[in-house]
Amino acid sequence: MNSAAREVWFVTGSQHLYGPGPLAQVAEHSQTITASLNAEATLPVRVVFKSVLTTADEILRLCREANSAENCVGLILWMHTFSPAKMWIAGLTSLTKPFLHLHTQYNRELPYATIDMDFMNLNQAAHGDREFGFITARLRLARKVVVGYWQDSETVADIAAWSRAALGWNESQTLKVARFGDNMRNVAVTEGDKVEAQKVFGYTVSGFGIGDLTDCMAQFGDDDVAKLVSEYHDTYLIAAEHDKPEPLAVAARIELGLRAFLTEGGFGAFTDTFEDLHGMGQLPGIATQRLMASGFGFGGEGDWKTAALVRIMKVMAAGLPGGTSFMEDYTYDFAGAPKILGSHMLEICPSIAAGKPTVEVHPLGIGGKSDPVRLVFTSPAGAAVVASIVDMGNRFRMIVNEIDVVDPPQQMPKLPVARTVWLPKPNLKVAAAAWIYAGGAHHTGFSQALTMQHMEDFAEIAGIELVRIDSETKLHQLRRELTWTDAAYRIGR
């Protein structure tokens, strides 16, 4: 998940009409902006100034170069002067990397006392970017448009958010998801078209038998297991009543096998299901939690769409404060301001823990196996998002709800799983109805690092529908939008 080697290319458009002197100034200004962006700690990538492009051949050549450049995750395009947009058609229609259209200008203020036509001819982004904007709209290209002065914090924040979405998209192109067993029987929302998902998102989903995993677990000896159990003791809190050697050893062997299988196979995300555990002593609990903390995506009950989403969200969030996890809307508190208790049977990532998690061993009640080991903790208060991707039959839809995590109003001493309590925006009554109208799943990617903007930018790059549920959501408007969107996709097909 190291993004330090990833690049966003800064490309400026112009034309030879202005002559070598102005073009040299355009290049100098572009390099200054590039250097300024690279000095911003909020940008997760290195910005590389590539060129001032003045002909259709140059544009096509650079777009093809970007397509094949492994480290390039996207482009920032800016029309400093006027760049006739027919020159951009061949390049843009061949471009496979996402791009951000930056609408800015080199000078913050107009030099009113000295402004002349030379200044006007050089600083033409106000209409040069509109020419470029027309062709991107005419070609129906997915893009992010950022308007503002290049040194303003809001402009930089918008570029940084899009850069993280571009990193997520780059990860999605090569992501491999491993499924141990199928999805939970008779469940609808965890199903989906894996071929279409590969076409849309790029990632692949492959199934494996539990025997493949247990064979991998068997390769580790007792010394390996004892070493990992010792790590559990050093890293977490374990009360005497939960310090049970046999369950801890079984859990450690599962983690060793899972980690080795995923790492050796190049998988970034995985799923399992409690209905397919033949040959395993426990349902993976602490193993799954620690793997997520290492950056792997996970989806319960065979939910490969959420597993991929969690991995992509983790890549997007790398380096930001706050954690990212698999999550499930589990139950409600309708007292006072109605709240949601989010949790799962076992598998919540400790990156969202408020303090040091405790290792606990409790019966599970389903799965028919011995008591699984799990990490128990509560999430800290703060802003967050929950996101779901569902297969609507003719398209993928992402639903995102802005939420506020709160401290639980009371202790929950008998709840033996990790948990988080939140207030959905605008409130539970509207948010839950909106989620249900939109067909959102009960499994989500939860993040206290990412925002609606990150998720919206990713959906734009992916070319998928986004349903946003936030403080301004009105049910009657959202239902109309869902109807219109459904009709638009049907007409488009």
Protein backbone atom coordinates (compact mmCIF):
# COMPACT_ATOMS: atom_id res chain seq x y z
CA MET A 1 0.00 0.00 0.00
CA ASN A 2 3.03 2.26 -0.25
CA SER A 3 1.99 5.14 -2.50
CA ALA A 4 5.34 6.94 -2.39
CA ALA A 5 6.35 5.55 -5.79
CA ARG A 6 3.04 6.44 -7.42
CA GLU A 7 2.86 9.47 -9.65
CA VAL A 8 0.27 11.89 -10.96
CA TRP A 9 1.41 13.61 -14.14
CA PHE A 10 0.89 17.37 -14.47
CA VAL A 11 0.21 18.25 -18.10
CA THR A 12 -0.43 21.72 -19.50
CA GLY A 13 -2.17 22.55 -22.76
CA SER A 14 -1.31 25.43 -25.08
CA GLN A 15 -0.59 26.06 -28.78
CA HIS A 16 2.24 27.36 -30.99
CA LEU A 17 0.24 30.51 -31.83
CA TYR A 18 1.78 32.27 -28.82
CA GLY A 19 5.42 31.77 -29.81
CA PRO A 20 8.43 30.37 -27.89
CA GLY A 21 8.60 33.15 -25.26
CA PRO A 22 5.09 32.70 -23.82
CA LEU A 23 5.38 28.90 -24.10
CA ALA A 24 8.53 29.02 -21.99
CA GLN A 25 6.63 31.05 -19.39
CA VAL A 26 3.78 28.50 -19.47
CA ALA A 27 6.27 25.71 -18.76
CA GLU A 28 7.91 27.72 -15.96
CA HIS A 29 4.55 28.44 -14.32
CA SER A 30 3.55 24.77 -14.60
CA GLN A 31 6.79 23.66 -12.95
CA THR A 32 6.24 26.13 -10.11
CA ILE A 33 2.74 24.77 -9.49
CA THR A 34 4.05 21.20 -9.61
CA ALA A 35 6.75 21.99 -7.04
CA SER A 36 4.18 23.67 -4.80
CA LEU A 37 1.89 20.63 -4.90
CA ASN A 38 4.78 18.33 -4.08
CA ALA A 39 5.52 20.44 -1.00
CA GLU A 40 2.00 19.75 0.32
CA ALA A 41 2.02 16.99 2.93
CA THR A 42 -1.60 16.11 2.18
CA LEU A 43 -0.88 14.78 -1.30
CA PRO A 44 -0.32 11.00 -1.17
CA VAL A 45 1.51 10.87 -4.54
CA ARG A 46 4.39 12.58 -6.30
CA VAL A 47 3.31 15.12 -8.91
CA VAL A 48 5.49 15.03 -12.03
CA PHE A 49 5.50 17.84 -14.59
CA LYS A 50 5.58 16.21 -18.01
CA SER A 51 5.20 18.79 -20.73
CA VAL A 52 3.42 21.70 -22.35
CA LEU A 53 1.44 20.07 -25.15
CA THR A 54 0.77 22.07 -28.30
CA THR A 55 -0.18 19.52 -30.99
CA ALA A 56 -2.51 16.55 -31.39
CA ASP A 57 0.43 14.21 -31.95
CA GLU A 58 2.11 15.30 -28.72
CA ILE A 59 -1.13 14.81 -26.79
CA LEU A 60 -1.75 11.34 -28.22
CA ARG A 61 1.84 10.30 -27.56
CA LEU A 62 1.70 11.42 -23.92
CA CYS A 63 -1.66 9.74 -23.26
CA ARG A 64 -0.32 6.46 -24.63
CA GLU A 65 2.79 6.87 -22.49
CA ALA A 66 0.60 7.38 -19.41
CA ASN A 67 -1.40 4.26 -20.22
CA SER A 68 1.73 2.10 -20.16
CA ALA A 69 3.48 3.82 -17.23
CA GLU A 70 3.06 1.53 -14.22
CA ASN A 71 3.75 4.24 -11.65
CA CYS A 72 1.33 6.75 -13.19
CA VAL A 73 -2.08 6.58 -11.50
CA GLY A 74 -3.61 9.62 -13.18
CA LEU A 75 -3.14 13.00 -14.84
CA ILE A 76 -3.82 16.60 -13.88
CA LEU A 77 -4.68 18.58 -17.03
CA TRP A 78 -4.62 22.39 -17.14
CA MET A 79 -5.08 24.78 -20.04
CA HIS A 80 -2.84 27.71 -19.08
CA THR A 81 -3.60 29.51 -22.34
CA PHE A 82 -5.95 28.43 -25.10
CA SER A 83 -5.51 24.88 -26.40
CA PRO A 84 -7.92 24.17 -29.28
CA ALA A 85 -9.76 21.11 -28.03
CA LYS A 86 -10.00 19.15 -31.28
CA MET A 87 -6.31 18.46 -30.67
CA TRP A 88 -7.26 16.53 -27.54
CA ILE A 89 -9.80 14.12 -29.04
CA ALA A 90 -7.45 11.34 -30.12
CA GLY A 91 -5.46 11.47 -26.89
CA LEU A 92 -8.39 11.64 -24.50
CA THR A 93 -10.31 8.86 -26.24
CA SER A 94 -7.26 6.60 -25.97
CA LEU A 95 -6.48 7.49 -22.34
CA THR A 96 -7.19 4.72 -19.83
CA LYS A 97 -5.90 6.49 -16.72
CA PRO A 98 -8.19 8.83 -14.74
CA PHE A 99 -7.68 12.57 -15.04
CA LEU A 100 -8.43 15.69 -13.06
CA HIS A 101 -9.20 18.93 -14.89
CA LEU A 102 -7.62 21.72 -12.86
CA HIS A 103 -9.21 25.10 -13.57
CA THR A 104 -6.81 27.62 -12.09
CA GLN A 105 -4.47 30.39 -13.18
CA TYR A 106 -0.90 31.21 -12.25
CA ASN A 107 -1.62 34.64 -10.74
CA ARG A 108 -3.94 34.99 -7.76
CA GLU A 109 -4.83 38.65 -8.43
CA LEU A 110 -5.05 40.77 -11.55
CA PRO A 111 -2.26 43.37 -11.90
CA TYR A 112 -4.77 46.14 -12.54
CA ALA A 113 -2.19 48.91 -12.95
CA THR A 114 -0.09 47.07 -15.54
CA ILE A 115 -2.36 44.56 -17.21
CA ASP A 116 -2.02 44.58 -21.01
CA MET A 117 -2.78 42.29 -23.94
CA ASP A 118 0.44 40.31 -23.48
CA PHE A 119 -0.74 39.42 -19.96
CA MET A 120 -4.22 38.60 -21.26
CA ASN A 121 -2.88 36.33 -24.01
CA LEU A 122 -0.67 34.45 -21.58
CA ASN A 123 -3.21 33.92 -18.79
CA GLN A 124 -6.22 32.58 -20.64
CA ALA A 125 -7.31 29.66 -18.45
CA ALA A 126 -10.68 31.36 -17.87
CA HIS A 127 -11.68 30.46 -21.41
CA GLY A 128 -8.97 27.94 -22.32
CA ASP A 129 -10.31 25.54 -19.70
CA ARG A 130 -13.83 26.10 -20.96
CA GLU A 131 -12.79 24.97 -24.43
CA PHE A 132 -11.23 21.89 -22.88
CA GLY A 133 -14.28 21.40 -20.67
CA PHE A 134 -16.53 21.30 -23.70
CA ILE A 135 -14.63 18.50 -25.37
CA THR A 136 -14.53 16.37 -22.21
CA ALA A 137 -18.27 16.86 -21.82
CA ARG A 138 -18.88 16.19 -25.51
CA LEU A 139 -16.88 12.96 -25.28
CA ARG A 140 -18.77 11.99 -22.10
CA LEU A 141 -15.53 11.41 -20.23
CA ALA A 142 -15.37 10.68 -16.51
CA ARG A 143 -13.26 13.36 -14.87
CA LYS A 144 -12.89 15.44 -11.74
CA VAL A 145 -13.11 19.22 -12.17
CA VAL A 146 -11.35 21.27 -9.49
CA VAL A 147 -11.75 25.06 -9.56
CA GLY A 148 -9.65 27.41 -7.45
CA TYR A 149 -6.28 29.05 -6.97
CA TRP A 150 -3.56 26.41 -6.90
CA GLN A 151 -2.15 27.45 -3.51
CA ASP A 152 -5.50 27.59 -1.71
CA SER A 153 -5.94 24.88 0.89
CA GLU A 154 -9.35 23.89 -0.47
CA THR A 155 -7.95 23.40 -3.97
CA VAL A 156 -5.07 21.31 -2.64
CA ALA A 157 -7.49 19.24 -0.55
CA ASP A 158 -9.64 18.52 -3.60
CA ILE A 159 -6.59 17.39 -5.58
CA ALA A 160 -5.41 15.25 -2.66
CA ALA A 161 -8.80 13.55 -2.32
CA TRP A 162 -8.93 12.77 -6.03
CA SER A 163 -5.35 11.46 -5.88
CA ARG A 164 -6.42 8.97 -3.22
CA ALA A 165 -9.33 7.86 -5.39
CA ALA A 166 -6.88 7.40 -8.27
CA LEU A 167 -4.70 5.25 -6.00
CA GLY A 168 -7.75 3.15 -5.14
CA TRP A 169 -8.61 2.77 -8.81
CA ASN A 170 -5.03 1.78 -9.60
CA GLU A 171 -5.22 -0.91 -6.90
CA SER A 172 -8.56 -2.13 -8.24
CA GLN A 173 -7.05 -2.86 -11.66
CA THR A 174 -4.79 -5.63 -10.34
CA LEU A 175 -6.55 -6.66 -7.12
CA LYS A 176 -7.10 -10.39 -6.59
CA VAL A 177 -9.85 -11.59 -4.23
CA ALA A 178 -9.76 -15.12 -2.80
CA ARG A 179 -13.02 -16.80 -1.76
CA PHE A 180 -12.85 -19.74 0.64
CA GLY A 181 -16.15 -21.50 0.01
CA ASP A 182 -19.19 -19.85 -1.55
CA ASN A 183 -21.39 -17.11 -0.18
CA MET A 184 -23.89 -17.73 2.60
CA ARG A 185 -26.73 -19.86 1.24
CA ASN A 186 -29.85 -18.10 -0.02
CA VAL A 187 -28.44 -14.60 0.58
CA ALA A 188 -29.07 -12.27 -2.34
CA VAL A 189 -26.98 -9.15 -1.84
CA THR A 190 -23.64 -10.97 -1.55
CA GLU A 191 -24.18 -12.51 -4.99
CA GLY A 192 -23.21 -10.70 -8.16
CA ASP A 193 -21.68 -10.91 -11.61
CA LYS A 194 -17.94 -11.50 -11.18
CA VAL A 195 -17.29 -11.19 -14.90
CA GLU A 196 -18.98 -7.79 -15.02
CA ALA A 197 -17.11 -6.76 -11.87
CA GLN A 198 -13.81 -7.56 -13.56
CA LYS A 199 -14.91 -5.58 -16.61
CA VAL A 200 -15.97 -2.55 -14.53
CA PHE A 201 -13.46 -2.56 -11.65
CA GLY A 202 -10.58 -4.64 -12.99
CA TYR A 203 -10.25 -6.97 -10.00
CA THR A 204 -10.55 -10.75 -10.21
CA VAL A 205 -12.42 -13.08 -7.86
CA SER A 206 -11.32 -16.72 -7.53
CA GLY A 207 -12.80 -19.52 -5.45
CA PHE A 208 -10.83 -22.04 -3.35
CA GLY A 209 -11.83 -24.99 -1.21
CA ILE A 210 -11.28 -24.92 2.52
CA GLY A 211 -8.90 -27.84 1.99
CA ASP A 212 -6.54 -25.50 0.14
CA LEU A 213 -6.41 -23.35 3.25
CA THR A 214 -6.07 -26.20 5.75
CA ASP A 215 -3.21 -27.66 3.70
CA CYS A 216 -1.45 -24.32 4.01
CA MET A 217 -2.13 -24.22 7.76
CA ALA A 218 -0.60 -27.68 8.18
CA GLN A 219 2.76 -26.44 6.88
CA PHE A 220 3.40 -24.51 10.10
CA GLY A 221 4.92 -26.21 13.11
CA ASP A 222 4.26 -25.81 16.79
CA ASP A 223 7.16 -23.38 17.16
CA ASP A 224 5.61 -21.06 14.56
CA VAL A 225 2.29 -21.23 16.36
CA ALA A 226 3.85 -20.57 19.78
CA LYS A 227 5.70 -17.54 18.43
CA LEU A 228 2.48 -16.00 17.10
CA VAL A 229 0.61 -16.73 20.34
CA SER A 230 3.41 -14.91 22.15
CA GLU A 231 2.86 -11.96 19.82
CA TYR A 232 -0.82 -11.95 20.79
CA HIS A 233 0.23 -11.66 24.45
CA ASP A 234 2.66 -8.84 23.71
CA THR A 235 0.27 -6.84 21.51
CA TYR A 236 -3.11 -7.13 23.22
CA LEU A 237 -4.68 -7.48 26.66
CA ILE A 238 -5.55 -11.06 27.62
CA ALA A 239 -7.39 -11.67 30.88
CA ALA A 240 -6.67 -14.92 32.71
CA GLU A 241 -10.07 -16.41 31.86
CA HIS A 242 -9.37 -15.97 28.14
CA ASP A 243 -5.75 -17.12 28.16
CA LYS A 244 -6.65 -20.55 26.81
CA PRO A 245 -3.71 -22.29 25.12
CA GLU A 246 -5.66 -24.59 22.79
CA PRO A 247 -8.04 -22.00 21.25
CA LEU A 248 -5.20 -19.50 20.93
CA ALA A 249 -3.02 -22.08 19.18
CA VAL A 250 -5.82 -22.99 16.74
CA ALA A 251 -6.43 -19.30 15.98
CA ALA A 252 -2.72 -18.65 15.45
CA ARG A 253 -2.40 -21.57 13.04
CA ILE A 254 -5.36 -20.25 11.06
CA GLU A 255 -3.71 -16.83 10.83
CA LEU A 256 -0.39 -18.31 9.72
CA GLY A 257 -2.09 -20.36 7.02
CA LEU A 258 -4.32 -17.55 5.82
CA ARG A 259 -1.53 -14.99 5.68
CA ALA A 260 0.76 -17.38 3.80
CA PHE A 261 -1.94 -18.40 1.32
CA LEU A 262 -2.93 -14.81 0.54
CA THR A 263 0.64 -13.50 0.37
CA GLU A 264 1.97 -16.31 -1.81
CA GLY A 265 -1.02 -16.01 -4.14
CA GLY A 266 -0.79 -12.23 -4.43
CA PHE A 267 -4.29 -11.72 -3.01
CA GLY A 268 -5.26 -8.37 -1.51
CA ALA A 269 -8.68 -9.40 -0.19
CA PHE A 270 -10.56 -12.54 0.83
CA THR A 271 -13.86 -13.96 2.03
CA ASP A 272 -14.99 -16.96 4.03
CA THR A 273 -18.28 -18.25 5.44
CA PHE A 274 -19.27 -20.00 8.65
CA GLU A 275 -21.22 -22.52 6.52
CA ASP A 276 -18.03 -23.90 5.00
CA LEU A 277 -15.46 -24.68 7.70
CA HIS A 278 -14.71 -28.35 7.06
CA GLY A 279 -11.34 -29.22 8.56
CA MET A 280 -11.01 -25.99 10.54
CA GLY A 281 -11.16 -25.78 14.31
CA GLN A 282 -12.69 -22.30 14.46
CA LEU A 283 -14.22 -19.64 12.29
CA PRO A 284 -11.34 -17.21 11.63
CA GLY A 285 -11.72 -14.33 14.07
CA ILE A 286 -8.51 -12.75 15.29
CA ALA A 287 -6.80 -13.99 12.12
CA THR A 288 -9.17 -12.03 9.91
CA GLN A 289 -8.99 -8.98 12.16
CA ARG A 290 -5.18 -8.90 12.11
CA LEU A 291 -5.05 -9.48 8.36
CA MET A 292 -7.34 -6.50 7.84
CA ALA A 293 -5.08 -4.45 10.10
CA SER A 294 -2.23 -5.43 7.75
CA GLY A 295 -4.16 -3.99 4.81
CA PHE A 296 -6.12 -6.95 3.44
CA GLY A 297 -9.76 -6.47 2.48
CA PHE A 298 -12.38 -8.81 3.90
CA GLY A 299 -16.04 -9.61 3.38
CA GLY A 300 -18.05 -11.97 5.57
CA GLU A 301 -20.21 -14.83 4.28
CA GLY A 302 -18.56 -14.81 0.85
CA ASP A 303 -19.22 -11.11 0.19
CA TRP A 304 -16.50 -10.55 -2.41
CA LYS A 305 -17.78 -7.09 -3.44
CA THR A 306 -17.32 -5.76 0.09
CA ALA A 307 -13.97 -7.54 0.47
CA ALA A 308 -12.69 -5.75 -2.63
CA LEU A 309 -14.19 -2.44 -1.49
CA VAL A 310 -12.54 -2.66 1.94
CA ARG A 311 -9.13 -3.29 0.34
CA ILE A 312 -9.60 -0.37 -2.07
CA MET A 313 -10.70 1.90 0.78
CA LYS A 314 -7.64 0.88 2.81
CA VAL A 315 -5.37 1.81 -0.09
CA MET A 316 -7.16 5.15 -0.47
CA ALA A 317 -6.88 5.84 3.27
CA ALA A 318 -3.21 4.90 3.73
CA GLY A 319 -1.41 7.50 5.82
CA LEU A 320 -4.57 9.27 6.99
CA PRO A 321 -5.63 9.33 10.66
CA GLY A 322 -8.43 6.89 11.44
CA GLY A 323 -9.02 3.27 10.52
CA THR A 324 -10.96 1.36 7.88
CA SER A 325 -12.83 -1.91 8.38
CA PHE A 326 -15.40 -4.39 7.22
CA MET A 327 -18.65 -3.55 9.00
CA GLU A 328 -22.27 -4.59 9.35
CA ASP A 329 -25.34 -2.68 10.50
CA TYR A 330 -26.30 -5.06 13.29
CA THR A 331 -28.98 -3.60 15.54
CA TYR A 332 -30.61 -0.30 16.58
CA ASP A 333 -31.03 1.87 19.64
CA PHE A 334 -34.25 3.83 19.13
CA ALA A 335 -33.98 5.66 22.47
CA GLY A 336 -33.13 9.36 22.33
CA ALA A 337 -31.40 10.15 19.04
CA PRO A 338 -31.76 6.78 17.26
CA LYS A 339 -28.41 5.06 16.70
CA ILE A 340 -26.93 2.07 14.89
CA LEU A 341 -24.75 -0.53 16.59
CA GLY A 342 -22.30 -1.75 13.99
CA SER A 343 -20.44 -5.01 14.48
CA HIS A 344 -20.08 -8.52 13.09
CA MET A 345 -19.78 -12.01 14.48
CA LEU A 346 -16.01 -11.62 14.85
CA GLU A 347 -14.38 -9.75 12.01
CA ILE A 348 -13.95 -6.02 12.72
CA CYS A 349 -10.55 -4.46 12.00
CA PRO A 350 -8.59 -3.23 15.06
CA SER A 351 -7.45 -0.19 13.05
CA ILE A 352 -10.70 1.40 14.26
CA ALA A 353 -10.12 0.59 17.95
CA ALA A 354 -10.15 3.44 20.49
CA GLY A 355 -7.61 1.69 22.74
CA LYS A 356 -5.72 -1.55 23.07
CA PRO A 357 -8.04 -4.43 22.10
CA THR A 358 -8.60 -7.39 24.39
CA VAL A 359 -8.23 -11.00 23.24
CA GLU A 360 -11.30 -13.00 24.24
CA VAL A 361 -12.59 -16.53 23.71
CA HIS A 362 -16.36 -17.06 23.65
CA PRO A 363 -18.86 -19.46 22.11
CA LEU A 364 -20.16 -18.32 18.72
CA GLY A 365 -23.44 -20.22 18.51
CA ILE A 366 -23.23 -20.85 14.76
CA GLY A 367 -20.79 -22.69 12.55
CA GLY A 368 -20.59 -25.81 14.69
CA LYS A 369 -16.94 -25.32 15.67
CA SER A 370 -15.03 -24.63 18.88
CA ASP A 371 -15.09 -21.25 20.57
CA PRO A 372 -13.25 -18.75 18.33
CA VAL A 373 -10.68 -16.21 19.46
CA ARG A 374 -11.46 -12.58 18.67
CA LEU A 375 -10.32 -9.03 19.46
CA VAL A 376 -12.87 -6.96 21.38
CA PHE A 377 -12.85 -3.15 21.40
CA THR A 378 -14.96 -0.02 20.83
CA SER A 379 -14.38 2.59 18.12
CA PRO A 380 -13.59 6.22 19.03
CA ALA A 381 -16.06 9.02 18.39
CA GLY A 382 -15.70 11.01 15.18
CA ALA A 383 -16.87 11.49 11.61
CA ALA A 384 -16.96 8.45 9.32
CA VAL A 385 -18.57 6.96 6.23
CA VAL A 386 -20.10 3.59 5.48
CA ALA A 387 -20.19 2.44 1.85
CA SER A 388 -21.78 -0.44 -0.01
CA ILE A 389 -21.47 -1.63 -3.61
CA VAL A 390 -24.36 -3.68 -4.95
CA ASP A 391 -25.08 -5.38 -8.27
CA MET A 392 -28.36 -3.96 -9.62
CA GLY A 393 -28.45 -6.37 -12.56
CA ASN A 394 -27.63 -3.82 -15.25
CA ARG A 395 -25.03 -1.82 -13.30
CA PHE A 396 -23.13 -1.52 -10.06
CA ARG A 397 -24.32 1.06 -7.55
CA MET A 398 -22.38 2.53 -4.65
CA ILE A 399 -24.33 3.81 -1.65
CA VAL A 400 -22.48 5.99 0.86
CA ASN A 401 -23.79 7.38 4.15
CA GLU A 402 -22.03 10.04 6.18
CA ILE A 403 -22.17 9.15 9.88
CA ASP A 404 -20.98 10.39 13.27
CA VAL A 405 -19.51 7.71 15.53
CA VAL A 406 -20.40 8.34 19.17
CA ASP A 407 -19.35 6.90 22.49
CA PRO A 408 -21.81 4.18 23.55
CA PRO A 409 -24.27 5.67 26.04
CA GLN A 410 -23.72 2.65 28.31
CA GLN A 411 -21.15 -0.09 28.76
CA MET A 412 -21.74 -3.43 27.00
CA PRO A 413 -19.85 -5.90 29.22
CA LYS A 414 -21.58 -8.99 27.84
CA LEU A 415 -21.11 -8.21 24.14
CA PRO A 416 -18.11 -10.34 23.12
CA VAL A 417 -17.30 -8.65 19.81
CA ALA A 418 -15.78 -5.42 18.52
CA ARG A 419 -18.37 -2.70 18.10
CA THR A 420 -19.03 0.87 17.03
CA VAL A 421 -22.07 3.07 17.61
CA TRP A 422 -23.04 5.82 15.20
CA LEU A 423 -25.64 8.40 14.28
CA PRO A 424 -26.34 8.24 10.55
CA LYS A 425 -26.94 11.50 8.71
CA PRO A 426 -29.38 13.13 8.50
CA ASN A 427 -30.95 10.77 11.05
CA LEU A 428 -31.75 7.08 11.34
CA LYS A 429 -35.30 7.42 10.05
CA VAL A 430 -34.25 9.04 6.77
CA ALA A 431 -30.89 7.33 6.35
CA ALA A 432 -32.18 3.79 6.85
CA ALA A 433 -35.13 4.36 4.53
CA ALA A 434 -32.84 5.89 1.89
CA TRP A 435 -30.39 2.97 2.23
CA ILE A 436 -33.19 0.46 1.81
CA TYR A 437 -34.77 2.27 -1.14
CA ALA A 438 -31.35 2.27 -2.82
CA GLY A 439 -30.81 -1.43 -2.15
CA GLY A 440 -27.75 -0.97 0.06
CA ALA A 441 -26.28 -4.12 1.61
CA HIS A 442 -26.03 -4.95 5.29
CA HIS A 443 -22.26 -5.34 4.82
CA THR A 444 -20.23 -2.17 4.32
CA GLY A 445 -16.80 -0.67 4.19
CA PHE A 446 -16.49 1.60 7.23
CA SER A 447 -13.87 4.34 7.46
CA GLN A 448 -12.99 7.10 9.88
CA ALA A 449 -10.21 8.17 7.49
CA LEU A 450 -12.14 8.68 4.26
CA THR A 451 -14.92 11.12 3.43
CA MET A 452 -17.82 11.29 1.01
CA GLN A 453 -15.54 13.14 -1.42
CA HIS A 454 -13.08 10.24 -1.60
CA MET A 455 -15.87 7.78 -2.32
CA GLU A 456 -17.56 10.09 -4.83
CA ASP A 457 -14.29 10.59 -6.71
CA PHE A 458 -13.71 6.83 -6.86
CA ALA A 459 -17.24 6.20 -8.17
CA GLU A 460 -16.68 8.85 -10.85
CA ILE A 461 -13.44 7.22 -11.98
CA ALA A 462 -15.08 3.78 -12.00
CA GLY A 463 -18.06 5.10 -13.94
CA ILE A 464 -20.58 3.66 -11.49
CA GLU A 465 -23.70 5.14 -9.98
CA LEU A 466 -23.35 6.85 -6.60
CA VAL A 467 -26.16 7.37 -4.11
CA ARG A 468 -25.13 9.77 -1.36
CA ILE A 469 -26.94 9.92 1.95
CA ASP A 470 -25.89 12.93 4.00
CA SER A 471 -27.23 15.79 6.12
CA GLU A 472 -29.12 17.23 3.12
CA THR A 473 -30.86 14.02 2.04
CA LYS A 474 -34.62 14.29 1.52
CA LEU A 475 -36.44 11.02 0.89
CA HIS A 476 -38.82 12.33 -1.75
CA GLN A 477 -35.93 13.78 -3.74
CA LEU A 478 -33.80 10.67 -3.39
CA ARG A 479 -36.63 8.41 -4.54
CA ARG A 480 -37.14 10.56 -7.63
CA GLU A 481 -33.41 10.45 -8.35
CA LEU A 482 -33.39 6.66 -8.05
CA THR A 483 -36.26 6.46 -10.54
CA TRP A 484 -34.57 8.84 -12.98
CA THR A 485 -31.24 7.04 -12.68
CA ASP A 486 -32.83 3.66 -13.26
CA ALA A 487 -34.55 4.98 -16.37
CA ALA A 488 -31.32 6.57 -17.63
CA TYR A 489 -29.38 3.31 -17.29
CA ARG A 490 -32.14 1.37 -19.02
CA ILE A 491 -32.16 3.85 -21.92
CA GLY A 492 -28.37 3.74 -22.05
CA ARG A 493 -28.44 -0.03 -22.40
